[in-house]
């Protein structure tokens, strides 16, 4: 297994809990992964193809909803709203949640044309990633931090490539491209619902995700940008825009700045191939902004295929 973001760890857990010996090799852990900067609310955004991501999302919704019962997982159901400046309809995948409804005209904020409400799992990523690492270790898995320059050099009968944006150079796969996301984490002044405004202002848009004691504010979607350094002007813009939506955020103490590169591709690459010596290679990358959402469904598909081939 190569990669220890949310997709890599989830796949490693699925394989290990199925009784296989699994070792993860990764260039970085924790803050060294894109997953650390995720919002993260369930929903297959910036990913494809629609039919496969819908099925994977359904699996992810079921697993994450169940994990909400475990305080160690950092997952909980949160209600909130999505708004848009132009007439729009809820995404098709929202029929997977039971309480989606359109906003009434009185509920639509000024300057916006429509919106809808629903409840979905929201994941506190630092907690969740630690939970995944502990669960993997409990299943007998091991993690080695070491740069990987060749998939063929990994000594294993089955190699699973979950390297996210790193697949662009490692595979190499020129279809991969980064979408830079910058967020600001502040002390939560009492916000209990999420807010997402899909209206793009250039590469900027607005979202607020409450995580109990903190709130994560965003954000950006800068296609082709590789810079991982938080930018002060963008951070100030994020806080100001979110405070217009939620005035209680004015003056909230900033506790962290995070930047991640969404690993985008027209379609998730989940397919098998071969390596020298007749070994099996699985690719599992290109999940865009939906790594948390799709991870369990993709992991289950790979695990089923690996077990069937034994």
Protein backbone atom coordinates (compact mmCIF):
# COMPACT_ATOMS: atom_id res chain seq x y z
CA UNK A 1 0.00 0.00 0.00
CA UNK A 2 1.39 3.39 -0.99
CA UNK A 3 -0.09 6.52 0.60
CA UNK A 4 -1.48 7.32 4.05
CA UNK A 5 -4.14 9.92 3.39
CA UNK A 6 -7.76 9.09 4.05
CA UNK A 7 -8.05 6.92 0.91
CA UNK A 8 -4.87 4.98 1.64
CA UNK A 9 -5.62 4.37 5.31
CA UNK A 10 -9.20 3.33 4.62
CA UNK A 11 -8.12 0.88 1.93
CA UNK A 12 -5.41 -0.49 4.21
CA UNK A 13 -7.95 -1.03 7.00
CA UNK A 14 -10.37 -2.80 4.68
CA UNK A 15 -7.69 -5.19 3.46
CA UNK A 16 -6.22 -5.80 6.93
CA UNK A 17 -9.60 -6.42 8.54
CA UNK A 18 -10.27 -8.96 5.78
CA UNK A 19 -7.32 -10.94 7.12
CA UNK A 20 -4.55 -9.81 4.78
CA UNK A 21 -1.07 -8.71 5.86
CA UNK A 22 -0.83 -5.01 4.96
CA UNK A 23 2.06 -2.56 5.10
CA UNK A 24 1.66 1.12 4.23
CA UNK A 25 4.57 3.08 2.78
CA UNK A 26 4.11 6.84 2.74
CA UNK A 27 6.10 10.01 2.27
CA UNK A 28 4.20 11.77 5.05
CA UNK A 29 1.69 11.42 7.87
CA UNK A 30 -0.77 13.78 9.54
CA UNK A 31 -0.16 17.36 8.43
CA UNK A 32 1.88 15.97 5.53
CA UNK A 33 -1.27 14.71 3.81
CA UNK A 34 -3.89 16.58 1.79
CA UNK A 35 -6.60 14.93 3.90
CA UNK A 36 -5.62 17.05 6.91
CA UNK A 37 -6.99 20.19 5.25
CA UNK A 38 -10.38 18.72 4.33
CA UNK A 39 -13.64 20.23 5.61
CA UNK A 40 -14.95 17.57 5.63
CA UNK A 41 -18.63 16.94 4.94
CA UNK A 42 -19.93 13.86 3.15
CA UNK A 43 -20.71 14.54 -0.51
CA UNK A 44 -19.13 13.50 -3.85
CA UNK A 45 -17.83 16.87 -5.08
CA UNK A 46 -15.26 17.43 -7.85
CA UNK A 47 -15.17 13.77 -8.80
CA UNK A 48 -16.51 11.33 -11.37
CA UNK A 49 -17.88 9.30 -13.05
CA UNK A 50 -21.37 9.92 -11.61
CA UNK A 51 -22.58 6.31 -11.59
CA UNK A 52 -19.58 4.85 -9.78
CA UNK A 53 -19.19 7.76 -7.37
CA UNK A 54 -22.89 7.51 -6.47
CA UNK A 55 -22.49 3.88 -5.41
CA UNK A 56 -19.24 4.56 -3.56
CA UNK A 57 -20.87 7.54 -1.82
CA UNK A 58 -23.75 5.37 -0.60
CA UNK A 59 -21.25 3.03 1.03
CA UNK A 60 -19.39 5.96 2.55
CA UNK A 61 -22.58 7.45 3.96
CA UNK A 62 -23.49 4.18 5.65
CA UNK A 63 -20.04 3.69 7.18
CA UNK A 64 -19.58 7.28 8.33
CA UNK A 65 -23.10 7.38 9.80
CA UNK A 66 -22.28 4.27 11.82
CA UNK A 67 -18.94 5.73 12.95
CA UNK A 68 -20.78 8.70 14.45
CA UNK A 69 -21.58 6.41 17.39
CA UNK A 70 -17.85 6.12 18.21
CA UNK A 71 -16.51 9.29 19.91
CA UNK A 72 -12.96 8.36 18.90
CA UNK A 73 -13.75 8.63 15.19
CA UNK A 74 -14.45 12.38 15.09
CA UNK A 75 -17.59 11.92 12.97
CA UNK A 76 -21.02 13.38 13.73
CA UNK A 77 -24.22 14.19 11.84
CA UNK A 78 -24.60 17.91 11.19
CA UNK A 79 -27.47 19.75 9.53
CA UNK A 80 -26.91 22.75 7.31
CA UNK A 81 -27.70 24.56 4.12
CA UNK A 82 -26.38 25.00 0.62
CA UNK A 83 -27.19 28.21 -1.27
CA UNK A 84 -26.57 29.41 -4.82
CA UNK A 85 -26.80 32.72 -6.66
CA UNK A 86 -28.52 31.17 -9.69
CA UNK A 87 -31.50 28.78 -9.80
CA UNK A 88 -30.31 25.24 -9.13
CA UNK A 89 -31.51 21.89 -7.84
CA UNK A 90 -30.01 19.64 -5.16
CA UNK A 91 -27.44 17.20 -6.50
CA UNK A 92 -28.80 13.77 -7.35
CA UNK A 93 -26.73 12.10 -4.64
CA UNK A 94 -28.65 13.98 -1.96
CA UNK A 95 -31.49 11.50 -2.43
CA UNK A 96 -29.31 9.20 -0.33
CA UNK A 97 -30.04 11.29 2.78
CA UNK A 98 -33.58 11.27 4.16
CA UNK A 99 -34.13 14.92 5.05
CA UNK A 100 -33.17 16.98 2.00
CA UNK A 101 -35.59 19.83 1.37
CA UNK A 102 -35.63 23.10 -0.54
CA UNK A 103 -35.31 26.33 1.41
CA UNK A 104 -38.43 28.44 1.59
CA UNK A 105 -38.17 31.92 0.05
CA UNK A 106 -37.90 33.38 3.55
CA UNK A 107 -34.91 31.10 4.31
CA UNK A 108 -32.90 32.04 1.20
CA UNK A 109 -30.27 34.67 2.13
CA UNK A 110 -30.30 38.06 0.37
CA UNK A 111 -28.50 37.95 -2.96
CA UNK A 112 -29.05 34.22 -3.42
CA UNK A 113 -31.66 32.58 -5.65
CA UNK A 114 -32.21 29.25 -3.95
CA UNK A 115 -30.92 26.69 -1.52
CA UNK A 116 -31.60 23.45 0.28
CA UNK A 117 -31.04 21.81 3.64
CA UNK A 118 -29.89 18.34 4.60
CA UNK A 119 -28.02 16.42 7.29
CA UNK A 120 -24.77 14.61 6.58
CA UNK A 121 -21.72 13.28 8.42
CA UNK A 122 -19.11 15.95 9.14
CA UNK A 123 -15.62 14.68 9.86
CA UNK A 124 -12.99 16.36 12.03
CA UNK A 125 -9.95 15.29 10.03
CA UNK A 126 -7.14 15.43 12.64
CA UNK A 127 -9.22 13.20 14.92
CA UNK A 128 -10.42 10.95 12.10
CA UNK A 129 -6.96 10.35 10.66
CA UNK A 130 -5.66 9.39 14.10
CA UNK A 131 -8.63 7.03 14.48
CA UNK A 132 -7.85 5.40 11.13
CA UNK A 133 -4.17 4.94 12.00
CA UNK A 134 -5.07 3.36 15.35
CA UNK A 135 -7.68 1.10 13.74
CA UNK A 136 -5.16 0.00 11.12
CA UNK A 137 -2.58 -0.78 13.78
CA UNK A 138 -5.21 -2.73 15.71
CA UNK A 139 -5.78 -4.87 12.61
CA UNK A 140 -2.06 -5.73 12.53
CA UNK A 141 -1.02 -3.19 9.92
CA UNK A 142 2.24 -1.26 9.89
CA UNK A 143 3.25 2.11 8.45
CA UNK A 144 6.68 3.04 7.12
CA UNK A 145 7.50 6.69 6.38
CA UNK A 146 9.74 6.68 3.33
CA UNK A 147 9.69 8.38 -0.09
CA UNK A 148 8.40 6.16 -2.90
CA UNK A 149 9.89 6.77 -6.35
CA UNK A 150 8.73 3.58 -8.08
CA UNK A 151 5.62 1.43 -7.65
CA UNK A 152 7.50 -1.50 -9.16
CA UNK A 153 10.08 -1.29 -6.39
CA UNK A 154 7.51 -2.04 -3.67
CA UNK A 155 8.13 -5.61 -2.49
CA UNK A 156 4.62 -7.09 -2.26
CA UNK A 157 2.45 -9.45 -4.34
CA UNK A 158 -0.29 -6.80 -4.44
CA UNK A 159 0.52 -3.07 -4.52
CA UNK A 160 -2.21 -0.49 -4.06
CA UNK A 161 -1.44 3.03 -5.24
CA UNK A 162 -3.31 5.62 -3.13
CA UNK A 163 -0.93 8.53 -3.66
CA UNK A 164 -3.46 11.22 -4.56
CA UNK A 165 -1.90 14.14 -6.36
CA UNK A 166 1.45 12.35 -6.12
CA UNK A 167 0.21 9.93 -8.79
CA UNK A 168 0.77 12.65 -11.39
CA UNK A 169 4.53 12.08 -11.18
CA UNK A 170 4.71 8.59 -9.68
CA UNK A 171 2.59 6.71 -12.24
CA UNK A 172 2.98 9.10 -14.15
CA UNK A 173 -0.56 10.31 -14.86
CA UNK A 174 -0.79 13.72 -16.57
CA UNK A 175 -4.60 13.61 -16.21
CA UNK A 176 -4.13 14.46 -12.53
CA UNK A 177 -4.21 18.12 -11.55
CA UNK A 178 -4.27 19.96 -8.21
CA UNK A 179 -7.08 22.18 -6.99
CA UNK A 180 -5.62 24.21 -4.14
CA UNK A 181 -7.80 24.64 -1.08
CA UNK A 182 -6.97 27.04 1.74
CA UNK A 183 -8.94 27.15 5.00
CA UNK A 184 -8.85 28.96 8.32
CA UNK A 185 -9.64 27.24 11.62
CA UNK A 186 -11.09 29.46 14.36
CA UNK A 187 -12.52 29.00 17.82
CA UNK A 188 -16.19 28.15 17.36
CA UNK A 189 -18.41 30.96 18.72
CA UNK A 190 -21.37 28.60 18.96
CA UNK A 191 -22.11 27.64 15.34
CA UNK A 192 -23.93 24.31 15.08
CA UNK A 193 -24.87 24.10 11.38
CA UNK A 194 -22.77 24.03 8.23
CA UNK A 195 -23.12 26.58 5.44
CA UNK A 196 -21.99 26.11 1.83
CA UNK A 197 -22.34 28.78 -0.86
CA UNK A 198 -21.56 27.32 -4.28
CA UNK A 199 -21.32 30.78 -5.86
CA UNK A 200 -17.79 31.13 -7.21
CA UNK A 201 -16.03 34.49 -7.12
CA UNK A 202 -13.11 33.64 -9.34
CA UNK A 203 -11.52 30.74 -7.46
CA UNK A 204 -13.07 31.72 -4.12
CA UNK A 205 -16.23 30.51 -2.45
CA UNK A 206 -17.64 30.37 1.07
CA UNK A 207 -18.23 27.51 3.47
CA UNK A 208 -18.41 27.04 7.23
CA UNK A 209 -18.13 23.66 8.97
CA UNK A 210 -18.56 23.46 12.76
CA UNK A 211 -16.36 20.98 14.62
CA UNK A 212 -17.50 21.40 18.22
CA UNK A 213 -14.81 23.67 19.74
CA UNK A 214 -13.55 24.96 16.39
CA UNK A 215 -15.04 25.95 13.05
CA UNK A 216 -13.36 25.45 9.70
CA UNK A 217 -13.80 28.35 7.28
CA UNK A 218 -13.18 28.34 3.56
CA UNK A 219 -12.25 28.56 0.98
CA UNK A 220 -10.54 28.38 -2.39
CA UNK A 221 -10.56 26.16 -5.47
CA UNK A 222 -7.47 27.19 -7.44
CA UNK A 223 -7.01 24.81 -10.35
CA UNK A 224 -3.39 24.12 -11.23
CA UNK A 225 -1.98 25.83 -8.12
CA UNK A 226 0.71 23.91 -6.19
CA UNK A 227 1.63 26.38 -3.43
CA UNK A 228 1.14 24.84 0.03
CA UNK A 229 1.96 28.03 1.94
CA UNK A 230 -1.08 29.77 3.48
CA UNK A 231 -1.56 33.24 2.01
CA UNK A 232 -2.43 36.06 4.40
CA UNK A 233 -4.66 37.96 1.99
CA UNK A 234 -6.68 34.85 1.20
CA UNK A 235 -7.05 34.00 4.89
CA UNK A 236 -8.32 37.50 5.62
CA UNK A 237 -10.78 37.25 2.73
CA UNK A 238 -12.05 33.88 3.99
CA UNK A 239 -12.70 35.17 7.51
CA UNK A 240 -14.37 38.36 6.25
CA UNK A 241 -16.67 36.49 3.83
CA UNK A 242 -17.67 33.93 6.43
CA UNK A 243 -18.36 36.68 8.97
CA UNK A 244 -20.83 38.24 6.53
CA UNK A 245 -22.75 34.96 6.63
CA UNK A 246 -22.28 34.37 10.34
CA UNK A 247 -21.60 37.60 12.28
CA UNK A 248 -20.51 35.66 15.37
CA UNK A 249 -17.30 34.87 13.50
CA UNK A 250 -16.16 38.50 13.67
CA UNK A 251 -13.17 38.57 15.98
CA UNK A 252 -13.05 34.79 16.41
CA UNK A 253 -9.56 33.68 17.42
CA UNK A 254 -7.66 31.97 14.60
CA UNK A 255 -6.08 28.71 15.73
CA UNK A 256 -4.74 27.28 12.46
CA UNK A 257 -4.24 27.80 8.72
CA UNK A 258 -4.31 24.78 6.40
CA UNK A 259 -3.69 24.25 2.70
CA UNK A 260 -4.33 21.08 0.72
CA UNK A 261 -4.21 20.08 -2.94
CA UNK A 262 -7.38 18.28 -3.98
CA UNK A 263 -6.23 15.37 -6.21
CA UNK A 264 -8.51 15.96 -9.19
CA UNK A 265 -9.08 13.97 -12.34
CA UNK A 266 -12.02 13.73 -14.72
CA UNK A 267 -12.68 10.27 -13.29
CA UNK A 268 -11.45 8.42 -10.21
CA UNK A 269 -8.92 5.83 -11.29
CA UNK A 270 -9.90 2.58 -9.61
CA UNK A 271 -8.54 -0.25 -11.71
CA UNK A 272 -6.00 -3.06 -11.64
CA UNK A 273 -2.88 -3.66 -13.67
CA UNK A 274 0.31 -5.70 -13.46
CA UNK A 275 3.84 -5.24 -12.21
CA UNK A 276 7.01 -7.18 -13.11
CA UNK A 277 6.95 -10.75 -11.89
CA UNK A 278 3.21 -11.15 -12.34
CA UNK A 279 2.40 -9.00 -9.34
CA UNK A 280 -0.87 -7.06 -9.13
CA UNK A 281 -1.10 -3.26 -9.07
CA UNK A 282 -4.27 -1.46 -8.05
CA UNK A 283 -4.70 2.25 -8.68
CA UNK A 284 -7.01 4.11 -6.29
CA UNK A 285 -6.62 7.86 -6.74
CA UNK A 286 -8.16 10.95 -8.29
CA UNK A 287 -10.95 11.45 -5.73
CA UNK A 288 -10.97 15.23 -6.03
CA UNK A 289 -12.81 16.86 -3.15
CA UNK A 290 -14.47 13.60 -2.09
CA UNK A 291 -11.76 11.44 -0.57
CA UNK A 292 -13.61 10.97 2.72
CA UNK A 293 -16.91 10.35 0.91
CA UNK A 294 -15.64 7.76 -1.57
CA UNK A 295 -12.91 6.07 0.46
CA UNK A 296 -14.95 3.25 2.03
CA UNK A 297 -16.74 2.35 -1.20
CA UNK A 298 -13.49 2.25 -3.19
CA UNK A 299 -11.79 0.25 -0.43
CA UNK A 300 -14.58 -2.32 -0.40
CA UNK A 301 -14.36 -2.78 -4.18
CA UNK A 302 -10.61 -3.35 -4.08
CA UNK A 303 -10.83 -5.70 -1.10
CA UNK A 304 -13.51 -7.81 -2.77
CA UNK A 305 -11.43 -8.10 -5.94
CA UNK A 306 -8.19 -8.95 -4.10
CA UNK A 307 -9.90 -11.65 -2.04
CA UNK A 308 -11.60 -13.10 -5.11
CA UNK A 309 -8.25 -13.43 -6.88
CA UNK A 310 -6.51 -15.35 -4.08
